Amino acid sequence: MYTITLKDNYIAPDAQARQSYIDVHEHRVTPWNTILAPVANITQKDLTSIGGKPDQYMVDCLFYEIDVATNDILFSWSALDRVPIALSTAGIEGYGTHQKPFDPYRLNTITPAKQGYVISLQHCSSTFYHNKDCSIRWQLSSIDGGDFQLNYVGFSRQSHVRIYNETDDSFFLSLFGSVKRRGKTDMSSALILNVDLVNYQATPLRKVSDPNDPVYSPNPGSLQVLGPKTSQPHLFVGYEDVPKLKEYDGEGNAVLTAQFGEFELQSYHGYKFQWRATPSWKPAVVVHRASDKTVEVYMSWNGATEYALGDLLCFTVEQDHSPCLL
């Protein structure tokens, strides 16, 4: 239907020319038919203030709001223009060349809000609310709280941040919190925070992980809130570097776990949706004679979503009558 592109004087991290420079980390189609799309642009910068050298190379994270039908740019934002590099938790050692640029921000979430946009910068362990004029409304940081006091909140390198039930006084914030390395004591977990804008406090409403099957993902995963945003909905969690998906109920119990590969296989985001499929082929049927009067019929219709199990069908065949037909 539409092809959305960004063509400009951007430099991709691999320095290759592209038909479009839209980055992979987040694409959000808004209810007003625009798309929020990020760009990673390599640029030179004096990094001596953080232990680097003059004119080193770094990644500037930008995002644009683009009209889907016309491809017109309606809004643009640059992390380098708005967020001090000193907030970055990324190490510069070994980086700064054109082949290995320093990445101080790592933009992984853009979501629309009432007064602007909520932006997650993974390498700053911070989420920012930016007004339409690009000024910062607030910062929530897992390191020092930013503008908020953190009440029993523990996470780092957040991703897949979403804002719900936003009012002038408060809102809910959902996110996935990852760890920096495998084997760290804290498990990767999904969080929903109640953010109080009157007293500027952030308190966890939900924090879910599976103690019977702990996951330590060095990179961010995803969190999908299933059902109403005001109750205790189920949460669907993906772990990116660890090829697992988990669903948690309202009490925080893991009610579904799916694994789809070895450790090296990645899935950036995982979602759960209603889906219906009827295969174009017929069911496979195998008949086994269990006794003189009984046969067992096994049936499989792989791909059919309206059947929970392959049923074991048994029926009696009388010796003096014709065989029964399925």
Protein backbone atom coordinates (compact mmCIF):
# COMPACT_ATOMS: atom_id res chain seq x y z
CA MET A 1 0.00 0.00 0.00
CA TYR A 2 2.72 2.46 0.99
CA THR A 3 6.51 2.56 1.02
CA ILE A 4 7.99 4.87 3.64
CA THR A 5 11.58 5.94 3.05
CA LEU A 6 14.14 8.39 4.37
CA LYS A 7 16.64 9.58 1.80
CA ASP A 8 19.19 12.12 2.97
CA ASN A 9 22.87 12.54 3.73
CA TYR A 10 22.88 9.85 6.41
CA ILE A 11 25.77 7.49 6.97
CA ALA A 12 24.76 3.98 8.01
CA PRO A 13 26.88 2.15 10.62
CA ASP A 14 28.25 -0.15 7.90
CA ALA A 15 28.88 2.85 5.59
CA GLN A 16 26.85 1.25 2.79
CA ALA A 17 24.52 3.29 0.59
CA ARG A 18 20.87 2.48 1.22
CA GLN A 19 17.55 3.03 -0.55
CA SER A 20 16.25 4.08 2.86
CA TYR A 21 18.05 4.76 6.13
CA ILE A 22 15.22 3.84 8.51
CA ASP A 23 16.65 1.88 11.44
CA VAL A 24 15.28 -1.48 12.66
CA HIS A 25 14.70 -0.78 16.35
CA GLU A 26 11.19 0.67 16.40
CA HIS A 27 8.40 1.49 13.98
CA ARG A 28 5.10 2.76 15.41
CA VAL A 29 2.09 3.54 13.26
CA THR A 30 -0.04 6.13 15.08
CA PRO A 31 -3.87 6.38 15.13
CA TRP A 32 -3.56 9.53 12.99
CA ASN A 33 -1.84 7.64 10.13
CA THR A 34 1.75 8.64 10.68
CA ILE A 35 4.73 6.42 11.44
CA LEU A 36 7.47 7.00 14.02
CA ALA A 37 10.74 5.76 12.57
CA PRO A 38 14.35 5.94 13.83
CA VAL A 39 17.62 6.53 12.01
CA ALA A 40 21.18 5.74 13.07
CA ASN A 41 23.59 8.28 11.58
CA ILE A 42 27.39 8.19 11.88
CA THR A 43 28.87 11.59 12.61
CA GLN A 44 32.12 13.11 13.92
CA LYS A 45 32.25 14.62 17.38
CA ASP A 46 34.81 15.84 19.89
CA LEU A 47 34.62 13.15 22.59
CA THR A 48 37.42 14.36 24.84
CA SER A 49 34.92 15.26 27.57
CA ILE A 50 34.21 11.54 28.12
CA GLY A 51 37.76 10.26 27.66
CA GLY A 52 37.81 10.11 23.88
CA LYS A 53 39.62 12.12 21.22
CA PRO A 54 38.71 15.07 18.98
CA ASP A 55 36.86 14.26 15.76
CA GLN A 56 36.03 10.67 16.64
CA TYR A 57 33.08 8.90 15.09
CA MET A 58 29.85 8.25 16.98
CA VAL A 59 26.27 7.16 16.30
CA ASP A 60 23.65 9.86 16.51
CA CYS A 61 20.15 8.46 17.05
CA LEU A 62 17.37 10.36 15.31
CA PHE A 63 13.70 9.76 14.81
CA TYR A 64 11.07 11.16 12.50
CA GLU A 65 7.31 11.29 12.38
CA ILE A 66 6.34 10.70 8.77
CA ASP A 67 2.97 10.95 7.04
CA VAL A 68 2.29 7.42 5.76
CA ALA A 69 0.37 8.44 2.64
CA THR A 70 2.65 11.27 1.46
CA ASN A 71 6.04 10.34 2.98
CA ASP A 72 6.29 13.93 4.28
CA ILE A 73 8.38 14.49 7.43
CA LEU A 74 6.22 16.13 10.11
CA PHE A 75 8.66 16.06 13.04
CA SER A 76 12.33 15.31 13.58
CA TRP A 77 14.52 14.81 16.66
CA SER A 78 18.21 14.15 17.31
CA ALA A 79 19.64 12.63 20.50
CA LEU A 80 22.94 14.43 19.94
CA ASP A 81 21.13 17.79 19.94
CA ARG A 82 19.00 17.05 23.03
CA VAL A 83 20.70 14.54 25.34
CA PRO A 84 24.21 15.10 26.83
CA ILE A 85 26.67 12.35 25.90
CA ALA A 86 27.83 12.36 29.52
CA LEU A 87 24.58 10.52 30.44
CA SER A 88 25.73 7.49 28.48
CA THR A 89 26.72 4.32 30.34
CA ALA A 90 28.46 2.87 27.27
CA GLY A 91 32.23 2.58 27.35
CA ILE A 92 34.19 4.42 24.68
CA GLU A 93 37.34 2.28 24.87
CA GLY A 94 37.87 0.42 21.61
CA TYR A 95 35.33 2.59 19.77
CA GLY A 96 35.39 5.89 17.91
CA THR A 97 36.54 4.88 14.43
CA HIS A 98 34.36 4.94 11.36
CA GLN A 99 34.35 1.13 11.33
CA LYS A 100 33.53 0.92 15.07
CA PRO A 101 31.74 4.16 16.00
CA PHE A 102 30.97 4.97 19.62
CA ASP A 103 27.27 4.35 20.37
CA PRO A 104 26.29 6.48 23.39
CA TYR A 105 22.50 6.32 23.02
CA ARG A 106 20.94 3.25 21.26
CA LEU A 107 17.40 4.46 20.69
CA ASN A 108 15.09 1.44 20.96
CA THR A 109 11.62 2.88 21.68
CA ILE A 110 9.49 5.71 20.31
CA THR A 111 5.89 5.86 21.47
CA PRO A 112 3.38 8.72 21.11
CA ALA A 113 2.12 10.52 24.20
CA LYS A 114 -0.38 13.30 24.84
CA GLN A 115 2.15 16.13 24.78
CA GLY A 116 4.82 14.59 22.60
CA TYR A 117 6.83 11.38 22.57
CA VAL A 118 8.30 8.89 25.04
CA ILE A 119 11.79 7.83 23.95
CA SER A 120 13.95 5.07 25.42
CA LEU A 121 17.73 5.35 25.16
CA GLN A 122 19.15 1.97 26.16
CA HIS A 123 22.76 3.07 26.62
CA CYS A 124 21.68 5.86 28.94
CA SER A 125 19.40 3.52 30.98
CA SER A 126 16.89 6.36 30.67
CA THR A 127 13.46 7.08 29.28
CA PHE A 128 12.63 10.64 28.22
CA TYR A 129 9.33 12.42 27.63
CA HIS A 130 9.91 15.00 24.90
CA ASN A 131 7.44 17.76 24.15
CA LYS A 132 6.49 18.64 20.59
CA ASP A 133 8.98 21.52 20.72
CA CYS A 134 11.75 18.95 21.50
CA SER A 135 12.23 20.16 25.08
CA ILE A 136 12.55 17.44 27.73
CA ARG A 137 9.45 17.15 29.93
CA TRP A 138 11.00 14.55 32.26
CA GLN A 139 13.67 11.86 32.48
CA LEU A 140 13.29 8.53 34.29
CA SER A 141 16.65 6.85 34.86
CA SER A 142 17.37 3.44 36.39
CA ILE A 143 20.73 4.76 37.60
CA ASP A 144 19.84 7.84 39.67
CA GLY A 145 16.09 8.18 39.06
CA GLY A 146 16.47 11.19 36.81
CA ASP A 147 13.58 13.47 37.77
CA PHE A 148 11.92 10.75 39.87
CA GLN A 149 12.42 8.98 43.15
CA LEU A 150 12.53 5.26 42.47
CA ASN A 151 10.64 3.20 45.04
CA TYR A 152 11.89 -0.41 44.96
CA VAL A 153 12.52 -0.20 41.23
CA GLY A 154 15.42 -2.17 39.79
CA PHE A 155 16.25 -2.46 36.08
CA SER A 156 18.86 -1.43 33.54
CA ARG A 157 19.16 -0.99 29.77
CA GLN A 158 15.38 -0.80 29.37
CA SER A 159 13.54 -1.50 26.13
CA HIS A 160 10.06 -1.73 24.60
CA VAL A 161 8.79 1.12 26.76
CA ARG A 162 5.08 1.93 26.49
CA ILE A 163 2.94 4.55 28.27
CA TYR A 164 -0.67 3.87 29.36
CA ASN A 165 -3.50 5.71 31.13
CA GLU A 166 -1.72 9.04 30.90
CA THR A 167 -3.26 11.94 32.84
CA ASP A 168 -1.84 15.23 34.11
CA ASP A 169 -1.09 13.56 37.46
CA SER A 170 0.14 10.05 36.61
CA PHE A 171 0.58 7.27 34.07
CA PHE A 172 1.62 3.62 33.78
CA LEU A 173 4.91 2.75 32.12
CA SER A 174 5.67 -0.79 30.92
CA LEU A 175 9.18 -1.89 29.99
CA PHE A 176 11.57 -4.80 29.74
CA GLY A 177 14.68 -4.57 31.94
CA SER A 178 17.76 -6.51 30.89
CA VAL A 179 21.13 -7.19 32.48
CA LYS A 180 24.54 -6.32 31.12
CA ARG A 181 25.98 -9.82 31.11
CA ARG A 182 24.93 -13.40 31.46
CA GLY A 183 25.07 -14.91 34.93
CA LYS A 184 24.29 -11.73 36.84
CA THR A 185 22.22 -12.25 39.98
CA ASP A 186 19.22 -10.23 38.79
CA MET A 187 17.08 -12.01 36.23
CA SER A 188 15.75 -10.28 33.15
CA SER A 189 12.29 -9.06 34.06
CA ALA A 190 9.26 -7.21 32.77
CA LEU A 191 8.00 -4.22 34.71
CA ILE A 192 4.94 -2.01 34.93
CA LEU A 193 5.55 1.20 36.87
CA ASN A 194 3.08 3.63 38.39
CA VAL A 195 4.60 7.05 37.77
CA ASP A 196 3.31 9.83 40.03
CA LEU A 197 3.74 13.25 38.41
CA VAL A 198 2.59 15.14 41.50
CA ASN A 199 5.26 13.78 43.87
CA TYR A 200 7.59 12.58 41.08
CA GLN A 201 7.84 9.01 42.30
CA ALA A 202 7.98 5.74 40.33
CA THR A 203 6.72 2.58 42.03
CA PRO A 204 6.48 -0.93 40.54
CA LEU A 205 2.97 -2.31 40.08
CA ARG A 206 4.13 -5.53 38.45
CA LYS A 207 7.53 -7.18 38.09
CA VAL A 208 7.50 -10.62 36.53
CA SER A 209 10.16 -13.27 36.00
CA ASP A 210 10.17 -17.05 36.24
CA PRO A 211 12.21 -18.30 39.24
CA ASN A 212 11.80 -21.88 38.02
CA ASP A 213 13.30 -21.01 34.65
CA PRO A 214 15.41 -17.85 35.09
CA VAL A 215 16.44 -15.98 31.96
CA TYR A 216 19.53 -13.77 31.75
CA SER A 217 19.40 -11.85 28.50
CA PRO A 218 22.31 -9.46 27.92
CA ASN A 219 20.21 -7.42 25.51
CA PRO A 220 16.71 -5.96 25.81
CA GLY A 221 13.60 -7.96 25.09
CA SER A 222 9.94 -7.10 24.76
CA LEU A 223 6.81 -6.79 26.90
CA GLN A 224 3.26 -6.97 25.56
CA VAL A 225 0.37 -6.16 27.89
CA LEU A 226 -2.54 -8.48 27.10
CA GLY A 227 -6.03 -7.31 27.95
CA PRO A 228 -7.22 -4.17 29.78
CA LYS A 229 -4.50 -1.81 30.99
CA THR A 230 -6.29 -1.05 34.29
CA SER A 231 -6.61 -4.58 35.75
CA GLN A 232 -4.05 -7.33 36.34
CA PRO A 233 -3.64 -8.42 32.73
CA HIS A 234 -1.50 -11.23 31.42
CA LEU A 235 1.95 -10.17 30.23
CA PHE A 236 3.72 -11.66 27.21
CA VAL A 237 7.51 -11.40 27.36
CA GLY A 238 10.27 -12.00 24.81
CA TYR A 239 13.95 -12.15 25.74
CA GLU A 240 15.79 -11.32 22.45
CA ASP A 241 19.16 -13.07 22.97
CA VAL A 242 17.50 -16.04 24.65
CA PRO A 243 15.06 -17.72 22.22
CA LYS A 244 12.19 -18.00 24.67
CA LEU A 245 8.73 -16.49 25.05
CA LYS A 246 6.78 -16.48 28.31
CA GLU A 247 3.26 -15.52 29.29
CA TYR A 248 2.52 -14.52 32.90
CA ASP A 249 -0.91 -14.35 34.49
CA GLY A 250 -2.25 -11.61 36.79
CA GLU A 251 -0.53 -13.21 39.80
CA GLY A 252 2.87 -13.30 38.10
CA ASN A 253 2.86 -17.05 37.41
CA ALA A 254 4.40 -18.29 34.18
CA VAL A 255 1.51 -20.00 32.38
CA LEU A 256 3.23 -20.51 29.03
CA THR A 257 6.85 -21.03 27.98
CA ALA A 258 7.93 -21.54 24.38
CA GLN A 259 11.49 -22.09 23.16
CA PHE A 260 12.21 -21.87 19.45
CA GLY A 261 15.96 -22.39 19.06
CA GLU A 262 19.43 -22.47 20.56
CA PHE A 263 20.97 -19.63 22.53
CA GLU A 264 22.47 -17.87 19.48
CA LEU A 265 19.08 -17.44 17.81
CA GLN A 266 17.61 -13.98 18.40
CA SER A 267 14.09 -12.57 18.24
CA TYR A 268 13.91 -8.83 18.82
CA HIS A 269 10.24 -8.69 19.86
CA GLY A 270 7.64 -11.35 20.58
CA TYR A 271 3.86 -10.86 20.43
CA LYS A 272 0.73 -12.91 21.01
CA PHE A 273 -2.38 -12.38 18.88
CA GLN A 274 -5.56 -14.18 17.95
CA TRP A 275 -4.95 -16.16 14.77
CA ARG A 276 -6.97 -18.75 12.85
CA ALA A 277 -5.70 -21.15 10.23
CA THR A 278 -7.28 -23.99 8.27
CA PRO A 279 -4.70 -26.00 6.30
CA SER A 280 -5.35 -26.53 2.60
CA TRP A 281 -4.40 -30.21 2.89
CA LYS A 282 -6.41 -33.04 4.42
CA PRO A 283 -5.68 -34.51 7.86
CA ALA A 284 -3.20 -37.37 8.06
CA VAL A 285 -4.82 -40.56 9.37
CA VAL A 286 -3.24 -43.80 10.57
CA VAL A 287 -5.29 -46.84 11.62
CA HIS A 288 -3.97 -49.47 14.01
CA ARG A 289 -5.79 -52.72 14.88
CA ALA A 290 -5.75 -52.99 18.65
CA SER A 291 -7.70 -56.30 18.84
CA ASP A 292 -10.08 -58.42 16.82
CA LYS A 293 -12.93 -56.02 17.54
CA THR A 294 -11.17 -52.69 18.08
CA VAL A 295 -9.06 -50.41 15.92
CA GLU A 296 -7.36 -47.16 16.94
CA VAL A 297 -7.36 -44.21 14.57
CA TYR A 298 -4.74 -41.45 14.95
CA MET A 299 -5.31 -38.13 13.24
CA SER A 300 -3.05 -35.10 12.80
CA TRP A 301 -3.86 -31.85 11.01
CA ASN A 302 -0.69 -29.85 11.51
CA GLY A 303 -1.38 -26.12 11.26
CA ALA A 304 -5.07 -26.22 12.16
CA THR A 305 -5.56 -23.76 15.01
CA GLU A 306 -9.05 -24.88 16.04
CA TYR A 307 -7.85 -28.27 17.26
CA ALA A 308 -5.95 -28.44 20.54
CA LEU A 309 -4.81 -32.07 20.22
CA GLY A 310 -4.72 -34.93 17.79
CA ASP A 311 -7.57 -37.11 19.03
CA LEU A 312 -7.31 -40.83 19.67
CA LEU A 313 -10.44 -42.31 18.10
CA CYS A 314 -11.50 -45.87 19.02
CA PHE A 315 -14.49 -47.80 17.72
CA THR A 316 -15.59 -51.42 17.60
CA VAL A 317 -15.76 -53.46 14.41
CA GLU A 318 -18.27 -56.34 14.63
CA GLN A 319 -17.09 -59.51 12.90
CA ASP A 320 -20.46 -60.20 11.28
CA HIS A 321 -21.02 -56.73 9.85
CA SER A 322 -19.33 -54.46 7.36
CA PRO A 323 -16.53 -52.26 8.69
CA CYS A 324 -17.49 -48.85 10.02
CA LEU A 325 -16.35 -45.84 8.02
CA LEU A 326 -15.04 -42.59 9.45
